[in-house]
Amino acid sequence: MKDLDTIKIFLGMIALAIVVFILKELKTIFIPLTFAIFLSFMFQPLNRFLQSKRIPVGIAILVMVIIILVTFTLMGTVVYTSISSFVTEFPKYEQKITEMFQNFIITFEIPVEKVTDYLKNKVNWFELAQKFSLSKIISGTMGTFIDFLIKLLLTVAFMIFIVLERTKMVKRVEKVMTKNETEHSVKLVVKIEQSVKTYIVNKTIISLVTGLISMLFIAILGIDFVVISGILIFILNYIPNLGSIIASAFPIIICFIQYGFNWQLIAISIALISTQMIMGNFVEPKIMGTGLKLSPLFVLIALIFWFWVWGPVGMILAVPITSTFSLIIKEIPSLKIVSAFISSE
């Protein structure tokens, strides 16, 4: 009996390793599929409403597709414009960065005689800005525009098939399961749907408010790149704990380059850190409640794991994926130990 249990454990570990390998190697397919599943959860209330009004499924799908395409088009336009502005305006910091390096070398008496002349005359700051600019980082994450467009269309296509198959899938499940099993499965799916939908909606509202408040402080203090700073804060706030720190660092660094170690740097640091702390420690727990019931330690582990599997996109999807996984394994008696590690209850 013990040998059989050991074999099951080893087979489970092998199967898990294979699944992770497939997810990592075929991320071009699985990332759009995951987004499509979550989008289908988000649009399910709208879908139910349209069905209650006896509107054909085709028209309902068309409405959802239009909403998605318009939303992504507007977001893409704003992001592209902001990045273009950043790349264009960055060279004006050339002199300031050169002076900062010169002061650093003089202050600490670094014995490098030719460093100042090299920084002043030989460094192509525009080329350096393009190499290390945000546009390169984002393009490395999202791929080219055509690649992003293909992923968007693939996500929409997956979502259409999921919506079309949902009703048929329920009927097929009912044929092979008892009434009690069917009801239990439906309740689980509804619970997952509600959990994911609540998290995404609330997190979007919190991230949007945080981004707008931060943009207000940045604009009042006259710091450059207001819009792109707000977009970064909005997007990276979807990454628990680490995202807000990384997002706040960008406008603080820009402020330091723009004004040096001045009162503006202290003011923006206090303003952004205070905003993140208030939103993260007081507002978010009030809005989110304890619905996800995930262990903070396991959330951190999930962030690291999904970053390794899918990169920055994986970090954004880590919490809803982990929440879904937690709800599923709670229904499997043999995995109660795993559920105990994941849950915060």
C-alpha atoms as a PDB file:
ATOM      1  CA  MET A   1       0.000   0.000   0.000  1.00  0.00           C
ATOM      2  CA  LYS A   2       2.842   2.346   0.894  1.00  0.00           C
ATOM      3  CA  ASP A   3       4.620   1.449  -2.341  1.00  0.00           C
ATOM      4  CA  LEU A   4       1.459   2.335  -4.259  1.00  0.00           C
ATOM      5  CA  ASP A   5       1.234   5.730  -2.531  1.00  0.00           C
ATOM      6  CA  THR A   6       4.896   6.392  -3.278  1.00  0.00           C
ATOM      7  CA  ILE A   7       4.354   5.538  -6.941  1.00  0.00           C
ATOM      8  CA  LYS A   8       1.366   7.903  -7.047  1.00  0.00           C
ATOM      9  CA  ILE A   9       3.464  10.722  -5.560  1.00  0.00           C
ATOM     10  CA  PHE A  10       6.270  10.199  -8.074  1.00  0.00           C
ATOM     11  CA  LEU A  11       3.825  10.001 -10.981  1.00  0.00           C
ATOM     12  CA  GLY A  12       2.164  13.187  -9.744  1.00  0.00           C
ATOM     13  CA  MET A  13       5.519  14.970  -9.588  1.00  0.00           C
ATOM     14  CA  ILE A  14       6.408  13.811 -13.096  1.00  0.00           C
ATOM     15  CA  ALA A  15       3.005  14.910 -14.423  1.00  0.00           C
ATOM     16  CA  LEU A  16       3.399  18.316 -12.721  1.00  0.00           C
ATOM     17  CA  ALA A  17       6.867  18.783 -14.240  1.00  0.00           C
ATOM     18  CA  ILE A  18       5.487  17.945 -17.702  1.00  0.00           C
ATOM     19  CA  VAL A  19       2.594  20.407 -17.272  1.00  0.00           C
ATOM     20  CA  VAL A  20       4.962  23.187 -16.177  1.00  0.00           C
ATOM     21  CA  PHE A  21       7.261  22.450 -19.131  1.00  0.00           C
ATOM     22  CA  ILE A  22       4.319  22.641 -21.559  1.00  0.00           C
ATOM     23  CA  LEU A  23       3.055  25.886 -19.995  1.00  0.00           C
ATOM     24  CA  LYS A  24       6.499  27.441 -20.290  1.00  0.00           C
ATOM     25  CA  GLU A  25       7.263  26.278 -23.822  1.00  0.00           C
ATOM     26  CA  LEU A  26       3.789  27.026 -25.217  1.00  0.00           C
ATOM     27  CA  LYS A  27       3.228  30.317 -23.370  1.00  0.00           C
ATOM     28  CA  THR A  28       2.366  32.018 -26.673  1.00  0.00           C
ATOM     29  CA  ILE A  29      -0.836  29.947 -26.667  1.00  0.00           C
ATOM     30  CA  PHE A  30      -1.533  29.550 -22.960  1.00  0.00           C
ATOM     31  CA  ILE A  31      -1.232  33.255 -22.011  1.00  0.00           C
ATOM     32  CA  PRO A  32      -3.987  34.330 -24.465  1.00  0.00           C
ATOM     33  CA  LEU A  33      -6.052  31.304 -23.383  1.00  0.00           C
ATOM     34  CA  THR A  34      -5.760  32.302 -19.706  1.00  0.00           C
ATOM     35  CA  PHE A  35      -6.715  35.895 -20.492  1.00  0.00           C
ATOM     36  CA  ALA A  36      -9.652  34.578 -22.537  1.00  0.00           C
ATOM     37  CA  ILE A  37     -10.902  32.461 -19.618  1.00  0.00           C
ATOM     38  CA  PHE A  38     -10.726  35.415 -17.228  1.00  0.00           C
ATOM     39  CA  LEU A  39     -12.395  37.698 -19.788  1.00  0.00           C
ATOM     40  CA  SER A  40     -15.221  35.177 -20.188  1.00  0.00           C
ATOM     41  CA  PHE A  41     -15.707  35.329 -16.399  1.00  0.00           C
ATOM     42  CA  MET A  42     -15.762  39.132 -16.545  1.00  0.00           C
ATOM     43  CA  PHE A  43     -18.294  39.243 -19.359  1.00  0.00           C
ATOM     44  CA  GLN A  44     -20.519  36.491 -17.987  1.00  0.00           C
ATOM     45  CA  PRO A  45     -22.917  38.936 -16.190  1.00  0.00           C
ATOM     46  CA  LEU A  46     -23.294  40.918 -19.434  1.00  0.00           C
ATOM     47  CA  ASN A  47     -23.796  37.675 -21.346  1.00  0.00           C
ATOM     48  CA  ARG A  48     -26.512  36.560 -18.913  1.00  0.00           C
ATOM     49  CA  PHE A  49     -28.237  39.944 -19.172  1.00  0.00           C
ATOM     50  CA  LEU A  50     -28.259  39.842 -22.987  1.00  0.00           C
ATOM     51  CA  GLN A  51     -29.550  36.265 -22.935  1.00  0.00           C
ATOM     52  CA  SER A  52     -32.323  37.277 -20.515  1.00  0.00           C
ATOM     53  CA  LYS A  53     -33.379  39.867 -23.103  1.00  0.00           C
ATOM     54  CA  ARG A  54     -33.398  37.068 -25.708  1.00  0.00           C
ATOM     55  CA  ILE A  55     -30.654  38.688 -27.738  1.00  0.00           C
ATOM     56  CA  PRO A  56     -28.936  36.163 -30.059  1.00  0.00           C
ATOM     57  CA  VAL A  57     -25.600  34.747 -28.937  1.00  0.00           C
ATOM     58  CA  GLY A  58     -23.885  36.089 -32.064  1.00  0.00           C
ATOM     59  CA  ILE A  59     -24.867  39.683 -31.262  1.00  0.00           C
ATOM     60  CA  ALA A  60     -23.836  39.223 -27.610  1.00  0.00           C
ATOM     61  CA  ILE A  61     -20.403  37.993 -28.713  1.00  0.00           C
ATOM     62  CA  LEU A  62     -20.104  40.894 -31.168  1.00  0.00           C
ATOM     63  CA  VAL A  63     -20.818  43.376 -28.352  1.00  0.00           C
ATOM     64  CA  MET A  64     -18.140  41.775 -26.142  1.00  0.00           C
ATOM     65  CA  VAL A  65     -15.575  41.749 -28.962  1.00  0.00           C
ATOM     66  CA  ILE A  66     -16.230  45.439 -29.743  1.00  0.00           C
ATOM     67  CA  ILE A  67     -15.792  46.363 -26.059  1.00  0.00           C
ATOM     68  CA  ILE A  68     -12.486  44.448 -25.860  1.00  0.00           C
ATOM     69  CA  LEU A  69     -11.064  45.859 -29.108  1.00  0.00           C
ATOM     70  CA  VAL A  70     -12.061  49.457 -28.291  1.00  0.00           C
ATOM     71  CA  THR A  71     -10.600  49.179 -24.778  1.00  0.00           C
ATOM     72  CA  PHE A  72      -7.287  47.700 -25.971  1.00  0.00           C
ATOM     73  CA  THR A  73      -7.072  50.201 -28.848  1.00  0.00           C
ATOM     74  CA  LEU A  74      -7.474  53.172 -26.496  1.00  0.00           C
ATOM     75  CA  MET A  75      -5.006  51.715 -23.988  1.00  0.00           C
ATOM     76  CA  GLY A  76      -2.519  50.872 -26.741  1.00  0.00           C
ATOM     77  CA  THR A  77      -2.735  54.386 -28.194  1.00  0.00           C
ATOM     78  CA  VAL A  78      -2.098  56.014 -24.809  1.00  0.00           C
ATOM     79  CA  VAL A  79       0.806  53.654 -24.012  1.00  0.00           C
ATOM     80  CA  TYR A  80       2.408  54.088 -27.462  1.00  0.00           C
ATOM     81  CA  THR A  81       2.107  57.892 -27.300  1.00  0.00           C
ATOM     82  CA  SER A  82       3.593  57.982 -23.799  1.00  0.00           C
ATOM     83  CA  ILE A  83       6.527  55.738 -24.726  1.00  0.00           C
ATOM     84  CA  SER A  84       7.234  57.777 -27.877  1.00  0.00           C
ATOM     85  CA  SER A  85       7.242  60.944 -25.774  1.00  0.00           C
ATOM     86  CA  PHE A  86       9.599  59.334 -23.262  1.00  0.00           C
ATOM     87  CA  VAL A  87      12.078  58.196 -25.948  1.00  0.00           C
ATOM     88  CA  THR A  88      11.952  61.603 -27.686  1.00  0.00           C
ATOM     89  CA  GLU A  89      12.407  63.731 -24.571  1.00  0.00           C
ATOM     90  CA  PHE A  90      14.949  61.578 -22.738  1.00  0.00           C
ATOM     91  CA  PRO A  91      18.039  63.019 -24.533  1.00  0.00           C
ATOM     92  CA  LYS A  92      17.414  66.399 -22.865  1.00  0.00           C
ATOM     93  CA  TYR A  93      18.630  64.753 -19.650  1.00  0.00           C
ATOM     94  CA  GLU A  94      22.043  64.168 -21.254  1.00  0.00           C
ATOM     95  CA  GLN A  95      23.731  67.176 -19.677  1.00  0.00           C
ATOM     96  CA  LYS A  96      22.182  66.554 -16.257  1.00  0.00           C
ATOM     97  CA  ILE A  97      23.254  62.914 -16.179  1.00  0.00           C
ATOM     98  CA  THR A  98      26.762  63.877 -17.313  1.00  0.00           C
ATOM     99  CA  GLU A  99      26.997  66.472 -14.538  1.00  0.00           C
ATOM    100  CA  MET A 100      25.763  63.911 -11.995  1.00  0.00           C
ATOM    101  CA  PHE A 101      28.515  61.476 -13.049  1.00  0.00           C
ATOM    102  CA  GLN A 102      31.108  64.241 -12.933  1.00  0.00           C
ATOM    103  CA  ASN A 103      30.057  65.316  -9.432  1.00  0.00           C
ATOM    104  CA  PHE A 104      30.070  61.706  -8.271  1.00  0.00           C
ATOM    105  CA  ILE A 105      33.618  61.170  -9.562  1.00  0.00           C
ATOM    106  CA  ILE A 106      34.868  64.422  -8.020  1.00  0.00           C
ATOM    107  CA  THR A 107      33.131  63.882  -4.668  1.00  0.00           C
ATOM    108  CA  PHE A 108      34.482  60.370  -4.180  1.00  0.00           C
ATOM    109  CA  GLU A 109      37.844  61.180  -5.857  1.00  0.00           C
ATOM    110  CA  ILE A 110      37.640  58.260  -8.252  1.00  0.00           C
ATOM    111  CA  PRO A 111      41.051  58.020 -10.009  1.00  0.00           C
ATOM    112  CA  VAL A 112      39.759  57.802 -13.546  1.00  0.00           C
ATOM    113  CA  GLU A 113      41.137  60.764 -15.457  1.00  0.00           C
ATOM    114  CA  LYS A 114      39.391  60.272 -18.743  1.00  0.00           C
ATOM    115  CA  VAL A 115      35.937  59.373 -17.439  1.00  0.00           C
ATOM    116  CA  THR A 116      34.599  62.940 -17.542  1.00  0.00           C
ATOM    117  CA  ASP A 117      35.693  63.590 -21.128  1.00  0.00           C
ATOM    118  CA  TYR A 118      34.402  60.204 -22.199  1.00  0.00           C
ATOM    119  CA  LEU A 119      30.967  60.797 -20.667  1.00  0.00           C
ATOM    120  CA  LYS A 120      30.791  64.262 -22.158  1.00  0.00           C
ATOM    121  CA  ASN A 121      32.030  63.631 -25.667  1.00  0.00           C
ATOM    122  CA  LYS A 122      31.811  59.945 -26.553  1.00  0.00           C
ATOM    123  CA  VAL A 123      28.611  58.612 -24.985  1.00  0.00           C
ATOM    124  CA  ASN A 124      25.694  58.637 -27.394  1.00  0.00           C
ATOM    125  CA  TRP A 125      22.899  59.308 -24.929  1.00  0.00           C
ATOM    126  CA  PHE A 126      20.110  58.979 -27.479  1.00  0.00           C
ATOM    127  CA  GLU A 127      21.336  55.521 -28.446  1.00  0.00           C
ATOM    128  CA  LEU A 128      21.744  54.636 -24.765  1.00  0.00           C
ATOM    129  CA  ALA A 129      18.207  55.836 -24.033  1.00  0.00           C
ATOM    130  CA  GLN A 130      16.848  53.653 -26.818  1.00  0.00           C
ATOM    131  CA  LYS A 131      18.763  50.613 -25.566  1.00  0.00           C
ATOM    132  CA  PHE A 132      17.617  50.973 -21.986  1.00  0.00           C
ATOM    133  CA  SER A 133      14.374  52.837 -22.514  1.00  0.00           C
ATOM    134  CA  LEU A 134      11.012  51.641 -21.296  1.00  0.00           C
ATOM    135  CA  SER A 135       9.975  50.966 -24.881  1.00  0.00           C
ATOM    136  CA  LYS A 136      12.675  48.275 -25.150  1.00  0.00           C
ATOM    137  CA  ILE A 137      11.626  46.701 -21.865  1.00  0.00           C
ATOM    138  CA  ILE A 138       7.976  46.615 -22.899  1.00  0.00           C
ATOM    139  CA  SER A 139       8.757  45.399 -26.406  1.00  0.00           C
ATOM    140  CA  GLY A 140      10.838  42.620 -24.859  1.00  0.00           C
ATOM    141  CA  THR A 141       7.848  41.632 -22.734  1.00  0.00           C
ATOM    142  CA  MET A 142       5.022  42.121 -25.195  1.00  0.00           C
ATOM    143  CA  GLY A 143       6.889  41.507 -28.429  1.00  0.00           C
ATOM    144  CA  THR A 144       6.391  43.561 -31.579  1.00  0.00           C
ATOM    145  CA  PHE A 145       3.134  45.334 -32.360  1.00  0.00           C
ATOM    146  CA  ILE A 146       2.162  42.598 -34.809  1.00  0.00           C
ATOM    147  CA  ASP A 147       2.940  39.939 -32.213  1.00  0.00           C
ATOM    148  CA  PHE A 148       0.795  41.797 -29.659  1.00  0.00           C
ATOM    149  CA  LEU A 149      -2.017  42.117 -32.209  1.00  0.00           C
ATOM    150  CA  ILE A 150      -1.870  38.368 -32.926  1.00  0.00           C
ATOM    151  CA  LYS A 151      -2.058  37.614 -29.194  1.00  0.00           C
ATOM    152  CA  LEU A 152      -5.008  39.976 -28.810  1.00  0.00           C
ATOM    153  CA  LEU A 153      -6.878  38.367 -31.717  1.00  0.00           C
ATOM    154  CA  LEU A 154      -6.022  34.902 -30.355  1.00  0.00           C
ATOM    155  CA  THR A 155      -7.402  35.923 -26.949  1.00  0.00           C
ATOM    156  CA  VAL A 156     -10.621  37.179 -28.547  1.00  0.00           C
ATOM    157  CA  ALA A 157     -10.931  33.974 -30.601  1.00  0.00           C
ATOM    158  CA  PHE A 158     -10.465  31.805 -27.501  1.00  0.00           C
ATOM    159  CA  MET A 159     -13.043  33.867 -25.620  1.00  0.00           C
ATOM    160  CA  ILE A 160     -15.598  33.470 -28.436  1.00  0.00           C
ATOM    161  CA  PHE A 161     -15.225  29.676 -28.392  1.00  0.00           C
ATOM    162  CA  ILE A 162     -15.428  29.598 -24.577  1.00  0.00           C
ATOM    163  CA  VAL A 163     -18.665  31.610 -24.600  1.00  0.00           C
ATOM    164  CA  LEU A 164     -20.131  29.466 -27.371  1.00  0.00           C
ATOM    165  CA  GLU A 165     -19.148  26.206 -25.683  1.00  0.00           C
ATOM    166  CA  ARG A 166     -20.197  27.132 -22.145  1.00  0.00           C
ATOM    167  CA  THR A 167     -23.854  26.097 -22.489  1.00  0.00           C
ATOM    168  CA  LYS A 168     -23.044  22.988 -24.542  1.00  0.00           C
ATOM    169  CA  MET A 169     -20.347  21.979 -22.062  1.00  0.00           C
ATOM    170  CA  VAL A 170     -22.789  22.156 -19.140  1.00  0.00           C
ATOM    171  CA  LYS A 171     -25.210  19.911 -21.003  1.00  0.00           C
ATOM    172  CA  ARG A 172     -22.454  17.385 -21.796  1.00  0.00           C
ATOM    173  CA  VAL A 173     -21.366  17.348 -18.142  1.00  0.00           C
ATOM    174  CA  GLU A 174     -24.946  16.751 -17.008  1.00  0.00           C
ATOM    175  CA  LYS A 175     -25.094  13.601 -19.156  1.00  0.00           C
ATOM    176  CA  VAL A 176     -22.080  11.934 -17.516  1.00  0.00           C
ATOM    177  CA  MET A 177     -22.575  13.094 -13.913  1.00  0.00           C
ATOM    178  CA  THR A 178     -25.253  12.651 -11.296  1.00  0.00           C
ATOM    179  CA  LYS A 179     -27.521  15.516 -10.317  1.00  0.00           C
ATOM    180  CA  ASN A 180     -25.638  16.140  -7.058  1.00  0.00           C
ATOM    181  CA  GLU A 181     -22.262  16.052  -8.812  1.00  0.00           C
ATOM    182  CA  THR A 182     -23.498  18.459 -11.473  1.00  0.00           C
ATOM    183  CA  GLU A 183     -24.847  20.898  -8.889  1.00  0.00           C
ATOM    184  CA  HIS A 184     -21.578  20.689  -6.962  1.00  0.00           C
ATOM    185  CA  SER A 185     -19.528  21.352 -10.117  1.00  0.00           C
ATOM    186  CA  VAL A 186     -21.742  24.285 -11.139  1.00  0.00           C
ATOM    187  CA  LYS A 187     -21.405  25.812  -7.654  1.00  0.00           C
ATOM    188  CA  LEU A 188     -17.612  25.462  -7.852  1.00  0.00           C
ATOM    189  CA  VAL A 189     -17.465  27.149 -11.273  1.00  0.00           C
ATOM    190  CA  VAL A 190     -19.723  29.977 -10.045  1.00  0.00           C
ATOM    191  CA  LYS A 191     -17.514  30.387  -6.970  1.00  0.00           C
ATOM    192  CA  ILE A 192     -14.364  30.568  -9.111  1.00  0.00           C
ATOM    193  CA  GLU A 193     -16.056  32.987 -11.497  1.00  0.00           C
ATOM    194  CA  GLN A 194     -17.187  35.228  -8.636  1.00  0.00           C
ATOM    195  CA  SER A 195     -13.767  35.147  -6.943  1.00  0.00           C
ATOM    196  CA  VAL A 196     -11.825  36.011 -10.112  1.00  0.00           C
ATOM    197  CA  LYS A 197     -14.323  38.660 -11.216  1.00  0.00           C
ATOM    198  CA  THR A 198     -14.337  40.346  -7.797  1.00  0.00           C
ATOM    199  CA  TYR A 199     -10.551  40.374  -7.646  1.00  0.00           C
ATOM    200  CA  ILE A 200     -10.055  41.787 -11.157  1.00  0.00           C
ATOM    201  CA  VAL A 201     -12.748  44.476 -10.841  1.00  0.00           C
ATOM    202  CA  ASN A 202     -11.645  45.623  -7.380  1.00  0.00           C
ATOM    203  CA  LYS A 203      -7.948  45.482  -8.241  1.00  0.00           C
ATOM    204  CA  THR A 204      -8.583  47.506 -11.411  1.00  0.00           C
ATOM    205  CA  ILE A 205     -10.460  50.195  -9.477  1.00  0.00           C
ATOM    206  CA  ILE A 206      -7.761  50.346  -6.769  1.00  0.00           C
ATOM    207  CA  SER A 207      -4.932  50.471  -9.342  1.00  0.00           C
ATOM    208  CA  LEU A 208      -6.724  53.170 -11.347  1.00  0.00           C
ATOM    209  CA  VAL A 209      -7.321  55.358  -8.281  1.00  0.00           C
ATOM    210  CA  THR A 210      -3.719  54.844  -7.146  1.00  0.00           C
ATOM    211  CA  GLY A 211      -2.436  55.799 -10.594  1.00  0.00           C
ATOM    212  CA  LEU A 212      -4.604  58.936 -10.811  1.00  0.00           C
ATOM    213  CA  ILE A 213      -3.629  60.135  -7.320  1.00  0.00           C
ATOM    214  CA  SER A 214       0.056  59.530  -8.103  1.00  0.00           C
ATOM    215  CA  MET A 215      -0.269  61.396 -11.424  1.00  0.00           C
ATOM    216  CA  LEU A 216      -1.811  64.337  -9.549  1.00  0.00           C
ATOM    217  CA  PHE A 217       1.181  64.554  -7.177  1.00  0.00           C
ATOM    218  CA  ILE A 218       3.641  64.169 -10.068  1.00  0.00           C
ATOM    219  CA  ALA A 219       1.912  66.928 -12.073  1.00  0.00           C
ATOM    220  CA  ILE A 220       1.704  69.320  -9.086  1.00  0.00           C
ATOM    221  CA  LEU A 221       5.449  68.951  -8.433  1.00  0.00           C
ATOM    222  CA  GLY A 222       6.226  69.543 -12.130  1.00  0.00           C
ATOM    223  CA  ILE A 223       7.913  66.196 -12.745  1.00  0.00           C
ATOM    224  CA  ASP A 224       8.166  65.017 -16.346  1.00  0.00           C
ATOM    225  CA  PHE A 225       6.487  61.941 -17.870  1.00  0.00           C
ATOM    226  CA  VAL A 226       3.270  62.229 -15.853  1.00  0.00           C
ATOM    227  CA  VAL A 227       1.183  59.954 -18.086  1.00  0.00           C
ATOM    228  CA  ILE A 228       3.723  57.154 -18.453  1.00  0.00           C
ATOM    229  CA  SER A 229       4.337  57.204 -14.682  1.00  0.00           C
ATOM    230  CA  GLY A 230       0.595  56.837 -14.095  1.00  0.00           C
ATOM    231  CA  ILE A 231       0.355  53.969 -16.597  1.00  0.00           C
ATOM    232  CA  LEU A 232       3.272  52.165 -14.941  1.00  0.00           C
ATOM    233  CA  ILE A 233       1.742  52.554 -11.485  1.00  0.00           C
ATOM    234  CA  PHE A 234      -1.648  51.363 -12.778  1.00  0.00           C
ATOM    235  CA  ILE A 235      -0.256  48.255 -14.517  1.00  0.00           C
ATOM    236  CA  LEU A 236       2.357  47.245 -11.941  1.00  0.00           C
ATOM    237  CA  ASN A 237      -0.130  47.544  -9.066  1.00  0.00           C
ATOM    238  CA  TYR A 238      -1.612  44.271 -10.347  1.00  0.00           C
ATOM    239  CA  ILE A 239       1.601  42.643  -9.071  1.00  0.00           C
ATOM    240  CA  PRO A 240       1.159  42.278  -5.289  1.00  0.00           C
ATOM    241  CA  ASN A 241       3.796  43.790  -2.972  1.00  0.00           C
ATOM    242  CA  LEU A 242       6.615  44.159  -5.527  1.00  0.00           C
ATOM    243  CA  GLY A 243       4.691  46.013  -8.252  1.00  0.00           C
ATOM    244  CA  SER A 244       3.970  49.169  -6.258  1.00  0.00           C
ATOM    245  CA  ILE A 245       7.640  49.507  -5.243  1.00  0.00           C
ATOM    246  CA  ILE A 246       8.900  49.171  -8.825  1.00  0.00           C
ATOM    247  CA  ALA A 247       6.199  51.526 -10.150  1.00  0.00           C
ATOM    248  CA  SER A 248       6.963  54.277  -7.609  1.00  0.00           C
ATOM    249  CA  ALA A 249      10.698  54.079  -8.343  1.00  0.00           C
ATOM    250  CA  PHE A 250      10.330  55.406 -11.921  1.00  0.00           C
ATOM    251  CA  PRO A 251       8.930  58.909 -11.143  1.00  0.00           C
ATOM    252  CA  ILE A 252      11.276  59.198  -8.139  1.00  0.00           C
ATOM    253  CA  ILE A 253      14.316  58.519 -10.373  1.00  0.00           C
ATOM    254  CA  ILE A 254      13.050  60.985 -12.990  1.00  0.00           C
ATOM    255  CA  CYS A 255      12.572  63.591 -10.235  1.00  0.00           C
ATOM    256  CA  PHE A 256      16.120  62.997  -8.992  1.00  0.00           C
ATOM    257  CA  ILE A 257      17.561  63.468 -12.493  1.00  0.00           C
ATOM    258  CA  GLN A 258      15.362  66.507 -13.117  1.00  0.00           C
ATOM    259  CA  TYR A 259      15.809  68.379  -9.816  1.00  0.00           C
ATOM    260  CA  GLY A 260      18.642  66.595  -8.026  1.00  0.00           C
ATOM    261  CA  PHE A 261      18.493  66.006  -4.283  1.00  0.00           C
ATOM    262  CA  ASN A 262      15.932  68.754  -3.634  1.00  0.00           C
ATOM    263  CA  TRP A 263      12.670  69.239  -1.751  1.00  0.00           C
ATOM    264  CA  GLN A 264      10.737  67.938  -4.802  1.00  0.00           C
ATOM    265  CA  LEU A 265      12.478  64.552  -4.472  1.00  0.00           C
ATOM    266  CA  ILE A 266      11.573  64.308  -0.780  1.00  0.00           C
ATOM    267  CA  ALA A 267       8.000  65.472  -1.464  1.00  0.00           C
ATOM    268  CA  ILE A 268       7.318  63.036  -4.318  1.00  0.00           C
ATOM    269  CA  SER A 269       8.890  60.142  -2.387  1.00  0.00           C
ATOM    270  CA  ILE A 270       6.695  60.821   0.651  1.00  0.00           C
ATOM    271  CA  ALA A 271       3.592  61.357  -1.520  1.00  0.00           C
ATOM    272  CA  LEU A 272       3.983  58.178  -3.590  1.00  0.00           C
ATOM    273  CA  ILE A 273       5.014  55.938  -0.692  1.00  0.00           C
ATOM    274  CA  SER A 274       2.153  57.285   1.457  1.00  0.00           C
ATOM    275  CA  THR A 275      -0.340  56.722  -1.365  1.00  0.00           C
ATOM    276  CA  GLN A 276       0.840  53.144  -1.872  1.00  0.00           C
ATOM    277  CA  MET A 277       0.763  52.406   1.871  1.00  0.00           C
ATOM    278  CA  ILE A 278      -2.726  53.872   2.365  1.00  0.00           C
ATOM    279  CA  MET A 279      -4.166  52.140  -0.703  1.00  0.00           C
ATOM    280  CA  GLY A 280      -2.359  48.844  -0.017  1.00  0.00           C
ATOM    281  CA  ASN A 281      -2.789  48.567   3.748  1.00  0.00           C
ATOM    282  CA  PHE A 282      -6.135  50.267   4.386  1.00  0.00           C
ATOM    283  CA  VAL A 283      -8.252  50.766   1.246  1.00  0.00           C
ATOM    284  CA  GLU A 284      -7.453  47.480  -0.556  1.00  0.00           C
ATOM    285  CA  PRO A 285      -8.149  45.184   2.451  1.00  0.00           C
ATOM    286  CA  LYS A 286     -11.466  46.987   3.016  1.00  0.00           C
ATOM    287  CA  ILE A 287     -12.543  46.552  -0.607  1.00  0.00           C
ATOM    288  CA  MET A 288     -11.032  43.106  -1.186  1.00  0.00           C
ATOM    289  CA  GLY A 289     -12.008  41.711   2.186  1.00  0.00           C
ATOM    290  CA  THR A 290     -10.805  38.154   2.772  1.00  0.00           C
ATOM    291  CA  GLY A 291     -12.364  36.716  -0.382  1.00  0.00           C
ATOM    292  CA  LEU A 292      -9.166  35.236  -1.829  1.00  0.00           C
ATOM    293  CA  LYS A 293      -7.965  33.781   1.493  1.00  0.00           C
ATOM    294  CA  LEU A 294      -4.457  33.129   0.191  1.00  0.00           C
ATOM    295  CA  SER A 295      -1.353  32.847   2.331  1.00  0.00           C
ATOM    296  CA  PRO A 296       0.955  35.877   1.779  1.00  0.00           C
ATOM    297  CA  LEU A 297       3.949  33.512   1.665  1.00  0.00           C
ATOM    298  CA  PHE A 298       2.337  31.376  -1.033  1.00  0.00           C
ATOM    299  CA  VAL A 299       1.381  34.505  -3.009  1.00  0.00           C
ATOM    300  CA  LEU A 300       5.085  35.469  -3.016  1.00  0.00           C
ATOM    301  CA  ILE A 301       6.040  31.949  -4.124  1.00  0.00           C
ATOM    302  CA  ALA A 302       3.360  32.104  -6.842  1.00  0.00           C
ATOM    303  CA  LEU A 303       4.740  35.445  -8.077  1.00  0.00           C
ATOM    304  CA  ILE A 304       8.245  33.995  -8.410  1.00  0.00           C
ATOM    305  CA  PHE A 305       6.993  30.787 -10.041  1.00  0.00           C
ATOM    306  CA  TRP A 306       4.732  32.478 -12.625  1.00  0.00           C
ATOM    307  CA  PHE A 307       7.420  35.049 -13.405  1.00  0.00           C
ATOM    308  CA  TRP A 308       9.741  32.135 -14.239  1.00  0.00           C
ATOM    309  CA  VAL A 309       7.054  30.464 -16.375  1.00  0.00           C
ATOM    310  CA  TRP A 310       5.484  33.456 -18.177  1.00  0.00           C
ATOM    311  CA  GLY A 311       7.590  36.497 -17.294  1.00  0.00           C
ATOM    312  CA  PRO A 312       6.029  39.811 -16.115  1.00  0.00           C
ATOM    313  CA  VAL A 313       2.635  38.779 -17.533  1.00  0.00           C
ATOM    314  CA  GLY A 314       2.759  35.733 -15.269  1.00  0.00           C
ATOM    315  CA  MET A 315       3.220  37.971 -12.218  1.00  0.00           C
ATOM    316  CA  ILE A 316       0.058  39.886 -13.140  1.00  0.00           C
ATOM    317  CA  LEU A 317      -1.901  36.636 -13.559  1.00  0.00           C
ATOM    318  CA  ALA A 318      -0.359  34.910 -10.525  1.00  0.00           C
ATOM    319  CA  VAL A 319      -3.007  35.848  -7.946  1.00  0.00           C
ATOM    320  CA  PRO A 320      -6.161  34.971  -9.962  1.00  0.00           C
ATOM    321  CA  ILE A 321      -4.555  31.713 -11.157  1.00  0.00           C
ATOM    322  CA  THR A 322      -3.527  30.793  -7.605  1.00  0.00           C
ATOM    323  CA  SER A 323      -6.979  31.691  -6.294  1.00  0.00           C
ATOM    324  CA  THR A 324      -8.606  29.429  -8.900  1.00  0.00           C
ATOM    325  CA  PHE A 325      -6.167  26.623  -8.115  1.00  0.00           C
ATOM    326  CA  SER A 326      -6.879  27.002  -4.375  1.00  0.00           C
ATOM    327  CA  LEU A 327     -10.657  26.754  -4.861  1.00  0.00           C
ATOM    328  CA  ILE A 328     -10.291  23.618  -6.993  1.00  0.00           C
ATOM    329  CA  ILE A 329      -7.967  21.686  -4.683  1.00  0.00           C
ATOM    330  CA  LYS A 330     -10.221  22.447  -1.695  1.00  0.00           C
ATOM    331  CA  GLU A 331     -12.760  20.165  -3.332  1.00  0.00           C
ATOM    332  CA  ILE A 332     -10.259  17.280  -3.608  1.00  0.00           C
ATOM    333  CA  PRO A 333      -9.952  15.401  -0.271  1.00  0.00           C
ATOM    334  CA  SER A 334      -6.517  13.945  -1.053  1.00  0.00           C
ATOM    335  CA  LEU A 335      -5.073  17.469  -1.524  1.00  0.00           C
ATOM    336  CA  LYS A 336      -6.207  18.943   1.806  1.00  0.00           C
ATOM    337  CA  ILE A 337      -2.595  19.285   2.939  1.00  0.00           C
ATOM    338  CA  VAL A 338      -1.741  21.373  -0.125  1.00  0.00           C
ATOM    339  CA  SER A 339      -4.853  23.481   0.457  1.00  0.00           C
ATOM    340  CA  ALA A 340      -3.724  24.129   4.048  1.00  0.00           C
ATOM    341  CA  PHE A 341      -0.414  25.536   2.788  1.00  0.00           C
ATOM    342  CA  ILE A 342      -2.062  27.795   0.209  1.00  0.00           C
ATOM    343  CA  SER A 343      -4.958  29.075   2.315  1.00  0.00           C
ATOM    344  CA  SER A 344      -4.624  31.826   4.921  1.00  0.00           C
ATOM    345  CA  GLU A 345      -7.475  30.353   6.981  1.00  0.00           C
END
